[in-house]
């Protein structure tokens, strides 16, 4: 039996590592268990996962700011994870206080802490749901978001947890069809293209977690943007997506091992 703490919702298996809690640990958070930490440290030995997590989080912030600058004032964040510094509602509402945000995650710990964080924020909420059910997610998110107006759909570092047999391309197409013209999709995704052996080793470790991963090639990730007009700079590695300064791009950006892309629904 692993460590059980008062903040863990009833029914959470603290001995089964969760991607949300692993990510929380890699970002320096405290809402994780021994099994999550052990898995994260195993990943550290085969992949630069701390840098991957940090660069992915930085991409999320830049993408949200870019969408606010493009006029987006409502966001649907799929696989939002456990709250940490620089949450979507903080970034968006700091840029425009009118922004509304709905977080969606399948991890009970993530939702419980999101609810605590958002208790006094009427323009943000969290939903415990499976992102593979777009119609149900959109229906619940519709209590706060207006899907007749443009929405910023965020699928940042989450679609690799949807296996091929669950058709992640079709899942995103169903979200796309629910979005009004002028909406955006911001996406990042694990890839084996830069470090195939290391990513294969990481995927083997994830097989022993609640959410195994399916890293995908550039072409497979690009196919997820079907029906969206891709904006500059196109599909790149996370640190290359509109960096704030040249110093923010490492010498080998491909070591981020995540592709990043943003598209607009015409």
C-alpha atoms as a PDB file:
ATOM      1  CA  UNK A   1       0.000   0.000   0.000  1.00  0.00           C
ATOM      2  CA  UNK A   2       1.457   3.363  -1.032  1.00  0.00           C
ATOM      3  CA  UNK A   3       1.229   6.705   0.689  1.00  0.00           C
ATOM      4  CA  UNK A   4      -2.282   7.961   1.397  1.00  0.00           C
ATOM      5  CA  UNK A   5      -2.788  11.620   2.246  1.00  0.00           C
ATOM      6  CA  UNK A   6      -5.792  13.650   3.276  1.00  0.00           C
ATOM      7  CA  UNK A   7      -5.970  15.558  -0.014  1.00  0.00           C
ATOM      8  CA  UNK A   8      -6.371  12.388  -2.117  1.00  0.00           C
ATOM      9  CA  UNK A   9     -10.004  11.835  -3.193  1.00  0.00           C
ATOM     10  CA  UNK A  10     -11.592   8.569  -2.124  1.00  0.00           C
ATOM     11  CA  UNK A  11     -11.042   5.753  -4.567  1.00  0.00           C
ATOM     12  CA  UNK A  12      -7.765   7.048  -6.012  1.00  0.00           C
ATOM     13  CA  UNK A  13      -5.231   4.239  -6.445  1.00  0.00           C
ATOM     14  CA  UNK A  14      -2.090   5.815  -5.023  1.00  0.00           C
ATOM     15  CA  UNK A  15      -0.019   2.817  -6.148  1.00  0.00           C
ATOM     16  CA  UNK A  16      -0.867   3.205  -9.851  1.00  0.00           C
ATOM     17  CA  UNK A  17       1.160   6.048 -11.414  1.00  0.00           C
ATOM     18  CA  UNK A  18      -0.857   8.749 -13.184  1.00  0.00           C
ATOM     19  CA  UNK A  19       0.387  10.934 -16.026  1.00  0.00           C
ATOM     20  CA  UNK A  20      -1.072  14.055 -14.395  1.00  0.00           C
ATOM     21  CA  UNK A  21       0.729  13.361 -11.120  1.00  0.00           C
ATOM     22  CA  UNK A  22       3.983  12.425 -12.892  1.00  0.00           C
ATOM     23  CA  UNK A  23       3.809  15.753 -14.766  1.00  0.00           C
ATOM     24  CA  UNK A  24       3.077  17.542 -11.498  1.00  0.00           C
ATOM     25  CA  UNK A  25       6.204  16.018  -9.941  1.00  0.00           C
ATOM     26  CA  UNK A  26       8.392  16.886 -12.951  1.00  0.00           C
ATOM     27  CA  UNK A  27       7.226  20.511 -12.715  1.00  0.00           C
ATOM     28  CA  UNK A  28       8.077  20.654  -9.019  1.00  0.00           C
ATOM     29  CA  UNK A  29       4.546  20.179  -7.664  1.00  0.00           C
ATOM     30  CA  UNK A  30       3.584  18.412  -4.460  1.00  0.00           C
ATOM     31  CA  UNK A  31       0.390  16.560  -5.409  1.00  0.00           C
ATOM     32  CA  UNK A  32       1.879  13.195  -6.288  1.00  0.00           C
ATOM     33  CA  UNK A  33       2.600   9.853  -4.662  1.00  0.00           C
ATOM     34  CA  UNK A  34       5.636   7.602  -4.295  1.00  0.00           C
ATOM     35  CA  UNK A  35       4.621   5.541  -7.329  1.00  0.00           C
ATOM     36  CA  UNK A  36       4.420   8.702  -9.456  1.00  0.00           C
ATOM     37  CA  UNK A  37       7.806   9.915  -8.252  1.00  0.00           C
ATOM     38  CA  UNK A  38       9.447   6.542  -8.846  1.00  0.00           C
ATOM     39  CA  UNK A  39       8.054   6.428 -12.381  1.00  0.00           C
ATOM     40  CA  UNK A  40       9.170   9.994 -13.071  1.00  0.00           C
ATOM     41  CA  UNK A  41      12.692   9.200 -11.907  1.00  0.00           C
ATOM     42  CA  UNK A  42      12.736   6.108 -14.125  1.00  0.00           C
ATOM     43  CA  UNK A  43      11.754   8.343 -17.039  1.00  0.00           C
ATOM     44  CA  UNK A  44      14.506  10.824 -16.153  1.00  0.00           C
ATOM     45  CA  UNK A  45      17.031   8.037 -16.687  1.00  0.00           C
ATOM     46  CA  UNK A  46      15.957   7.480 -20.314  1.00  0.00           C
ATOM     47  CA  UNK A  47      14.579  10.846 -21.507  1.00  0.00           C
ATOM     48  CA  UNK A  48      15.092  14.554 -20.690  1.00  0.00           C
ATOM     49  CA  UNK A  49      11.581  14.611 -19.254  1.00  0.00           C
ATOM     50  CA  UNK A  50      12.112  17.534 -16.885  1.00  0.00           C
ATOM     51  CA  UNK A  51      13.098  19.751 -19.799  1.00  0.00           C
ATOM     52  CA  UNK A  52      10.257  18.273 -21.863  1.00  0.00           C
ATOM     53  CA  UNK A  53       7.736  19.173 -19.154  1.00  0.00           C
ATOM     54  CA  UNK A  54       9.138  22.665 -18.659  1.00  0.00           C
ATOM     55  CA  UNK A  55       9.259  23.445 -22.383  1.00  0.00           C
ATOM     56  CA  UNK A  56       5.753  22.094 -22.890  1.00  0.00           C
ATOM     57  CA  UNK A  57       4.415  24.263 -20.068  1.00  0.00           C
ATOM     58  CA  UNK A  58       6.140  27.298 -21.545  1.00  0.00           C
ATOM     59  CA  UNK A  59       4.605  26.559 -24.950  1.00  0.00           C
ATOM     60  CA  UNK A  60       1.156  26.389 -23.330  1.00  0.00           C
ATOM     61  CA  UNK A  61       1.614  29.869 -21.864  1.00  0.00           C
ATOM     62  CA  UNK A  62       2.762  31.356 -25.176  1.00  0.00           C
ATOM     63  CA  UNK A  63      -0.072  29.675 -27.083  1.00  0.00           C
ATOM     64  CA  UNK A  64      -2.705  30.987 -24.659  1.00  0.00           C
ATOM     65  CA  UNK A  65      -1.312  34.511 -24.920  1.00  0.00           C
ATOM     66  CA  UNK A  66      -1.274  34.262 -28.715  1.00  0.00           C
ATOM     67  CA  UNK A  67      -4.923  33.191 -28.754  1.00  0.00           C
ATOM     68  CA  UNK A  68      -5.951  35.987 -26.390  1.00  0.00           C
ATOM     69  CA  UNK A  69      -4.121  38.383 -28.693  1.00  0.00           C
ATOM     70  CA  UNK A  70      -6.131  36.891 -31.589  1.00  0.00           C
ATOM     71  CA  UNK A  71      -9.367  37.753 -29.779  1.00  0.00           C
ATOM     72  CA  UNK A  72     -10.139  34.459 -28.026  1.00  0.00           C
ATOM     73  CA  UNK A  73     -11.797  34.956 -24.631  1.00  0.00           C
ATOM     74  CA  UNK A  74     -12.879  31.377 -23.826  1.00  0.00           C
ATOM     75  CA  UNK A  75     -10.809  28.240 -23.505  1.00  0.00           C
ATOM     76  CA  UNK A  76     -11.475  24.509 -23.242  1.00  0.00           C
ATOM     77  CA  UNK A  77      -8.378  22.822 -21.792  1.00  0.00           C
ATOM     78  CA  UNK A  78      -8.330  19.053 -22.402  1.00  0.00           C
ATOM     79  CA  UNK A  79      -6.164  17.000 -20.067  1.00  0.00           C
ATOM     80  CA  UNK A  80      -5.454  20.066 -17.970  1.00  0.00           C
ATOM     81  CA  UNK A  81      -3.626  18.224 -15.202  1.00  0.00           C
ATOM     82  CA  UNK A  82      -2.954  19.261 -11.628  1.00  0.00           C
ATOM     83  CA  UNK A  83      -2.863  23.026 -11.009  1.00  0.00           C
ATOM     84  CA  UNK A  84       0.615  24.524 -10.924  1.00  0.00           C
ATOM     85  CA  UNK A  85       2.227  27.882 -11.620  1.00  0.00           C
ATOM     86  CA  UNK A  86       0.950  29.496 -14.803  1.00  0.00           C
ATOM     87  CA  UNK A  87      -2.428  27.824 -15.142  1.00  0.00           C
ATOM     88  CA  UNK A  88      -4.436  28.679 -18.248  1.00  0.00           C
ATOM     89  CA  UNK A  89      -6.970  30.831 -16.386  1.00  0.00           C
ATOM     90  CA  UNK A  90      -4.172  32.787 -14.705  1.00  0.00           C
ATOM     91  CA  UNK A  91      -2.381  33.460 -17.995  1.00  0.00           C
ATOM     92  CA  UNK A  92      -5.564  34.242 -19.943  1.00  0.00           C
ATOM     93  CA  UNK A  93      -7.307  36.342 -17.289  1.00  0.00           C
ATOM     94  CA  UNK A  94      -4.159  38.320 -16.588  1.00  0.00           C
ATOM     95  CA  UNK A  95      -4.152  39.266 -20.276  1.00  0.00           C
ATOM     96  CA  UNK A  96      -7.939  39.760 -20.422  1.00  0.00           C
ATOM     97  CA  UNK A  97     -10.025  39.500 -17.228  1.00  0.00           C
ATOM     98  CA  UNK A  98     -13.105  38.565 -19.291  1.00  0.00           C
ATOM     99  CA  UNK A  99     -11.601  35.217 -20.331  1.00  0.00           C
ATOM    100  CA  UNK A 100     -13.486  32.074 -19.326  1.00  0.00           C
ATOM    101  CA  UNK A 101     -11.793  28.691 -18.909  1.00  0.00           C
ATOM    102  CA  UNK A 102     -13.067  25.133 -18.539  1.00  0.00           C
ATOM    103  CA  UNK A 103     -10.545  22.519 -17.459  1.00  0.00           C
ATOM    104  CA  UNK A 104     -11.150  18.858 -18.322  1.00  0.00           C
ATOM    105  CA  UNK A 105      -9.285  15.900 -16.844  1.00  0.00           C
ATOM    106  CA  UNK A 106      -9.899  12.257 -16.043  1.00  0.00           C
ATOM    107  CA  UNK A 107      -7.638  12.407 -12.971  1.00  0.00           C
ATOM    108  CA  UNK A 108      -9.648  12.962  -9.735  1.00  0.00           C
ATOM    109  CA  UNK A 109      -6.696  14.588  -7.951  1.00  0.00           C
ATOM    110  CA  UNK A 110      -6.394  17.140 -10.765  1.00  0.00           C
ATOM    111  CA  UNK A 111     -10.079  18.012 -10.645  1.00  0.00           C
ATOM    112  CA  UNK A 112     -10.276  18.217  -6.849  1.00  0.00           C
ATOM    113  CA  UNK A 113      -7.402  20.678  -6.671  1.00  0.00           C
ATOM    114  CA  UNK A 114      -8.683  22.629  -9.637  1.00  0.00           C
ATOM    115  CA  UNK A 115     -12.028  23.024  -7.892  1.00  0.00           C
ATOM    116  CA  UNK A 116     -10.305  24.291  -4.739  1.00  0.00           C
ATOM    117  CA  UNK A 117      -8.220  26.739  -6.743  1.00  0.00           C
ATOM    118  CA  UNK A 118     -11.209  28.015  -8.710  1.00  0.00           C
ATOM    119  CA  UNK A 119     -13.738  28.222  -5.868  1.00  0.00           C
ATOM    120  CA  UNK A 120     -13.797  32.021  -5.963  1.00  0.00           C
ATOM    121  CA  UNK A 121     -13.395  32.381  -9.727  1.00  0.00           C
ATOM    122  CA  UNK A 122     -16.777  32.517 -11.529  1.00  0.00           C
ATOM    123  CA  UNK A 123     -15.087  32.536 -14.948  1.00  0.00           C
ATOM    124  CA  UNK A 124     -13.288  29.209 -14.573  1.00  0.00           C
ATOM    125  CA  UNK A 125     -14.339  25.693 -13.665  1.00  0.00           C
ATOM    126  CA  UNK A 126     -13.110  22.102 -13.801  1.00  0.00           C
ATOM    127  CA  UNK A 127     -14.881  19.042 -15.188  1.00  0.00           C
ATOM    128  CA  UNK A 128     -14.098  15.404 -14.412  1.00  0.00           C
ATOM    129  CA  UNK A 129     -14.588  13.762 -17.802  1.00  0.00           C
ATOM    130  CA  UNK A 130     -13.012  11.578 -20.471  1.00  0.00           C
ATOM    131  CA  UNK A 131     -11.839  13.728 -23.389  1.00  0.00           C
ATOM    132  CA  UNK A 132     -12.615  10.816 -25.720  1.00  0.00           C
ATOM    133  CA  UNK A 133     -16.286  11.753 -25.347  1.00  0.00           C
ATOM    134  CA  UNK A 134     -16.354  15.156 -27.080  1.00  0.00           C
ATOM    135  CA  UNK A 135     -20.108  15.568 -27.174  1.00  0.00           C
ATOM    136  CA  UNK A 136     -20.406  14.992 -23.408  1.00  0.00           C
ATOM    137  CA  UNK A 137     -17.463  17.293 -22.672  1.00  0.00           C
ATOM    138  CA  UNK A 138     -18.843  20.083 -24.866  1.00  0.00           C
ATOM    139  CA  UNK A 139     -22.300  19.737 -23.324  1.00  0.00           C
ATOM    140  CA  UNK A 140     -20.917  20.103 -19.805  1.00  0.00           C
ATOM    141  CA  UNK A 141     -18.496  22.877 -20.753  1.00  0.00           C
ATOM    142  CA  UNK A 142     -21.417  24.710 -22.354  1.00  0.00           C
ATOM    143  CA  UNK A 143     -22.557  25.767 -18.898  1.00  0.00           C
ATOM    144  CA  UNK A 144     -19.741  28.327 -18.959  1.00  0.00           C
ATOM    145  CA  UNK A 145     -18.603  28.536 -22.586  1.00  0.00           C
ATOM    146  CA  UNK A 146     -20.568  29.708 -25.618  1.00  0.00           C
ATOM    147  CA  UNK A 147     -19.832  27.321 -28.465  1.00  0.00           C
ATOM    148  CA  UNK A 148     -21.590  29.613 -30.921  1.00  0.00           C
ATOM    149  CA  UNK A 149     -18.590  31.934 -30.485  1.00  0.00           C
ATOM    150  CA  UNK A 150     -14.895  31.139 -31.049  1.00  0.00           C
ATOM    151  CA  UNK A 151     -13.186  28.936 -28.472  1.00  0.00           C
ATOM    152  CA  UNK A 152      -9.525  28.170 -27.879  1.00  0.00           C
ATOM    153  CA  UNK A 153      -9.298  24.376 -27.680  1.00  0.00           C
ATOM    154  CA  UNK A 154      -6.147  23.264 -25.874  1.00  0.00           C
ATOM    155  CA  UNK A 155      -4.833  19.714 -26.327  1.00  0.00           C
ATOM    156  CA  UNK A 156      -1.370  20.271 -24.918  1.00  0.00           C
ATOM    157  CA  UNK A 157       0.634  17.157 -24.103  1.00  0.00           C
ATOM    158  CA  UNK A 158      -2.438  14.934 -23.886  1.00  0.00           C
ATOM    159  CA  UNK A 159      -3.265  13.207 -27.180  1.00  0.00           C
ATOM    160  CA  UNK A 160      -0.357  10.768 -26.831  1.00  0.00           C
ATOM    161  CA  UNK A 161      -2.407   9.157 -24.058  1.00  0.00           C
ATOM    162  CA  UNK A 162      -5.158   8.284 -26.558  1.00  0.00           C
ATOM    163  CA  UNK A 163      -4.229   5.009 -28.311  1.00  0.00           C
ATOM    164  CA  UNK A 164      -4.701   4.490 -32.025  1.00  0.00           C
ATOM    165  CA  UNK A 165      -7.666   2.181 -31.444  1.00  0.00           C
ATOM    166  CA  UNK A 166      -9.535   5.090 -29.815  1.00  0.00           C
ATOM    167  CA  UNK A 167      -8.922   7.210 -32.944  1.00  0.00           C
ATOM    168  CA  UNK A 168      -7.434  10.450 -31.558  1.00  0.00           C
ATOM    169  CA  UNK A 169      -7.755  11.986 -35.047  1.00  0.00           C
ATOM    170  CA  UNK A 170     -11.481  11.340 -35.033  1.00  0.00           C
ATOM    171  CA  UNK A 171     -11.817  12.598 -31.466  1.00  0.00           C
ATOM    172  CA  UNK A 172     -10.240  15.934 -32.408  1.00  0.00           C
ATOM    173  CA  UNK A 173     -12.385  16.112 -35.545  1.00  0.00           C
ATOM    174  CA  UNK A 174     -15.498  15.825 -33.374  1.00  0.00           C
ATOM    175  CA  UNK A 175     -14.277  18.694 -31.187  1.00  0.00           C
ATOM    176  CA  UNK A 176     -13.506  20.686 -34.340  1.00  0.00           C
ATOM    177  CA  UNK A 177     -17.030  20.176 -35.597  1.00  0.00           C
ATOM    178  CA  UNK A 178     -18.391  21.532 -32.306  1.00  0.00           C
ATOM    179  CA  UNK A 179     -16.325  24.725 -32.584  1.00  0.00           C
ATOM    180  CA  UNK A 180     -17.487  27.942 -34.211  1.00  0.00           C
ATOM    181  CA  UNK A 181     -15.515  29.390 -37.136  1.00  0.00           C
ATOM    182  CA  UNK A 182     -12.635  31.482 -35.846  1.00  0.00           C
ATOM    183  CA  UNK A 183     -11.875  28.971 -33.078  1.00  0.00           C
ATOM    184  CA  UNK A 184      -8.346  27.670 -32.553  1.00  0.00           C
ATOM    185  CA  UNK A 185      -6.710  24.385 -31.629  1.00  0.00           C
ATOM    186  CA  UNK A 186      -3.357  24.448 -29.812  1.00  0.00           C
ATOM    187  CA  UNK A 187      -1.724  21.023 -29.737  1.00  0.00           C
ATOM    188  CA  UNK A 188       1.499  19.458 -28.517  1.00  0.00           C
ATOM    189  CA  UNK A 189       2.362  15.784 -28.757  1.00  0.00           C
ATOM    190  CA  UNK A 190       5.156  13.337 -27.855  1.00  0.00           C
ATOM    191  CA  UNK A 191       7.181  12.183 -30.858  1.00  0.00           C
ATOM    192  CA  UNK A 192       9.813   9.485 -31.457  1.00  0.00           C
ATOM    193  CA  UNK A 193      11.253  11.383 -34.420  1.00  0.00           C
ATOM    194  CA  UNK A 194      14.213  12.911 -32.608  1.00  0.00           C
ATOM    195  CA  UNK A 195      15.116  10.210 -30.065  1.00  0.00           C
ATOM    196  CA  UNK A 196      13.448   6.953 -31.185  1.00  0.00           C
ATOM    197  CA  UNK A 197      15.215   4.530 -28.848  1.00  0.00           C
ATOM    198  CA  UNK A 198      14.868   6.790 -25.833  1.00  0.00           C
ATOM    199  CA  UNK A 199      11.201   7.456 -26.539  1.00  0.00           C
ATOM    200  CA  UNK A 200      10.587   3.717 -26.944  1.00  0.00           C
ATOM    201  CA  UNK A 201      12.152   3.182 -23.513  1.00  0.00           C
ATOM    202  CA  UNK A 202       9.921   5.913 -22.095  1.00  0.00           C
ATOM    203  CA  UNK A 203       6.862   4.319 -23.671  1.00  0.00           C
ATOM    204  CA  UNK A 204       7.784   1.004 -22.021  1.00  0.00           C
ATOM    205  CA  UNK A 205       7.851   2.734 -18.623  1.00  0.00           C
ATOM    206  CA  UNK A 206       4.463   4.344 -19.288  1.00  0.00           C
ATOM    207  CA  UNK A 207       3.015   0.880 -19.932  1.00  0.00           C
ATOM    208  CA  UNK A 208       3.015   0.439 -16.150  1.00  0.00           C
ATOM    209  CA  UNK A 209       0.948   3.580 -15.498  1.00  0.00           C
ATOM    210  CA  UNK A 210      -2.743   4.410 -15.701  1.00  0.00           C
ATOM    211  CA  UNK A 211      -2.227   5.999 -19.143  1.00  0.00           C
ATOM    212  CA  UNK A 212       0.254   4.367 -21.536  1.00  0.00           C
ATOM    213  CA  UNK A 213       1.536   6.623 -24.301  1.00  0.00           C
ATOM    214  CA  UNK A 214       1.619   6.415 -28.084  1.00  0.00           C
ATOM    215  CA  UNK A 215       4.338   8.751 -29.414  1.00  0.00           C
ATOM    216  CA  UNK A 216       3.620   9.808 -33.000  1.00  0.00           C
ATOM    217  CA  UNK A 217       5.515  11.024 -36.031  1.00  0.00           C
ATOM    218  CA  UNK A 218       5.368  14.487 -37.547  1.00  0.00           C
ATOM    219  CA  UNK A 219       2.934  13.287 -40.212  1.00  0.00           C
ATOM    220  CA  UNK A 220       0.637  11.649 -37.656  1.00  0.00           C
ATOM    221  CA  UNK A 221       0.581  14.776 -35.488  1.00  0.00           C
ATOM    222  CA  UNK A 222      -0.001  17.012 -38.470  1.00  0.00           C
ATOM    223  CA  UNK A 223      -3.014  14.867 -39.436  1.00  0.00           C
ATOM    224  CA  UNK A 224      -4.631  15.859 -36.131  1.00  0.00           C
ATOM    225  CA  UNK A 225      -4.926  19.400 -37.479  1.00  0.00           C
ATOM    226  CA  UNK A 226      -7.239  18.376 -40.309  1.00  0.00           C
ATOM    227  CA  UNK A 227      -9.796  21.129 -40.895  1.00  0.00           C
ATOM    228  CA  UNK A 228      -7.663  23.821 -39.246  1.00  0.00           C
ATOM    229  CA  UNK A 229      -5.560  26.434 -41.030  1.00  0.00           C
ATOM    230  CA  UNK A 230      -2.150  26.170 -39.415  1.00  0.00           C
ATOM    231  CA  UNK A 231      -0.683  29.463 -38.248  1.00  0.00           C
ATOM    232  CA  UNK A 232       2.974  30.490 -38.225  1.00  0.00           C
ATOM    233  CA  UNK A 233       5.468  29.030 -37.516  1.00  0.00           C
ATOM    234  CA  UNK A 234       3.723  25.767 -38.404  1.00  0.00           C
ATOM    235  CA  UNK A 235       4.471  22.439 -36.733  1.00  0.00           C
ATOM    236  CA  UNK A 236       7.732  22.728 -34.803  1.00  0.00           C
ATOM    237  CA  UNK A 237       9.257  21.508 -31.560  1.00  0.00           C
ATOM    238  CA  UNK A 238       7.802  23.207 -28.484  1.00  0.00           C
ATOM    239  CA  UNK A 239      10.617  25.719 -27.834  1.00  0.00           C
ATOM    240  CA  UNK A 240      10.499  26.815 -31.481  1.00  0.00           C
ATOM    241  CA  UNK A 241       6.850  27.891 -31.354  1.00  0.00           C
ATOM    242  CA  UNK A 242       7.030  31.703 -31.166  1.00  0.00           C
ATOM    243  CA  UNK A 243       9.822  31.934 -28.590  1.00  0.00           C
ATOM    244  CA  UNK A 244       9.986  35.209 -26.719  1.00  0.00           C
ATOM    245  CA  UNK A 245      13.732  35.504 -27.338  1.00  0.00           C
ATOM    246  CA  UNK A 246      16.409  33.540 -29.252  1.00  0.00           C
ATOM    247  CA  UNK A 247      17.873  32.498 -25.893  1.00  0.00           C
ATOM    248  CA  UNK A 248      14.679  30.544 -25.171  1.00  0.00           C
ATOM    249  CA  UNK A 249      15.475  28.066 -27.964  1.00  0.00           C
ATOM    250  CA  UNK A 250      18.066  25.461 -26.901  1.00  0.00           C
ATOM    251  CA  UNK A 251      20.879  24.426 -29.212  1.00  0.00           C
ATOM    252  CA  UNK A 252      19.012  21.200 -29.957  1.00  0.00           C
ATOM    253  CA  UNK A 253      15.272  22.022 -29.789  1.00  0.00           C
ATOM    254  CA  UNK A 254      14.395  18.514 -30.929  1.00  0.00           C
ATOM    255  CA  UNK A 255      15.336  17.203 -27.490  1.00  0.00           C
ATOM    256  CA  UNK A 256      12.010  18.627 -26.366  1.00  0.00           C
ATOM    257  CA  UNK A 257      10.544  15.511 -28.007  1.00  0.00           C
ATOM    258  CA  UNK A 258       7.172  17.216 -28.424  1.00  0.00           C
ATOM    259  CA  UNK A 259       5.782  18.792 -31.554  1.00  0.00           C
ATOM    260  CA  UNK A 260       3.727  21.962 -31.148  1.00  0.00           C
ATOM    261  CA  UNK A 261       1.229  23.507 -33.546  1.00  0.00           C
ATOM    262  CA  UNK A 262      -1.696  25.926 -33.559  1.00  0.00           C
ATOM    263  CA  UNK A 263      -4.473  26.060 -36.149  1.00  0.00           C
ATOM    264  CA  UNK A 264      -7.532  28.205 -36.794  1.00  0.00           C
ATOM    265  CA  UNK A 265     -10.912  26.806 -37.801  1.00  0.00           C
ATOM    266  CA  UNK A 266     -12.032  28.674 -40.947  1.00  0.00           C
END
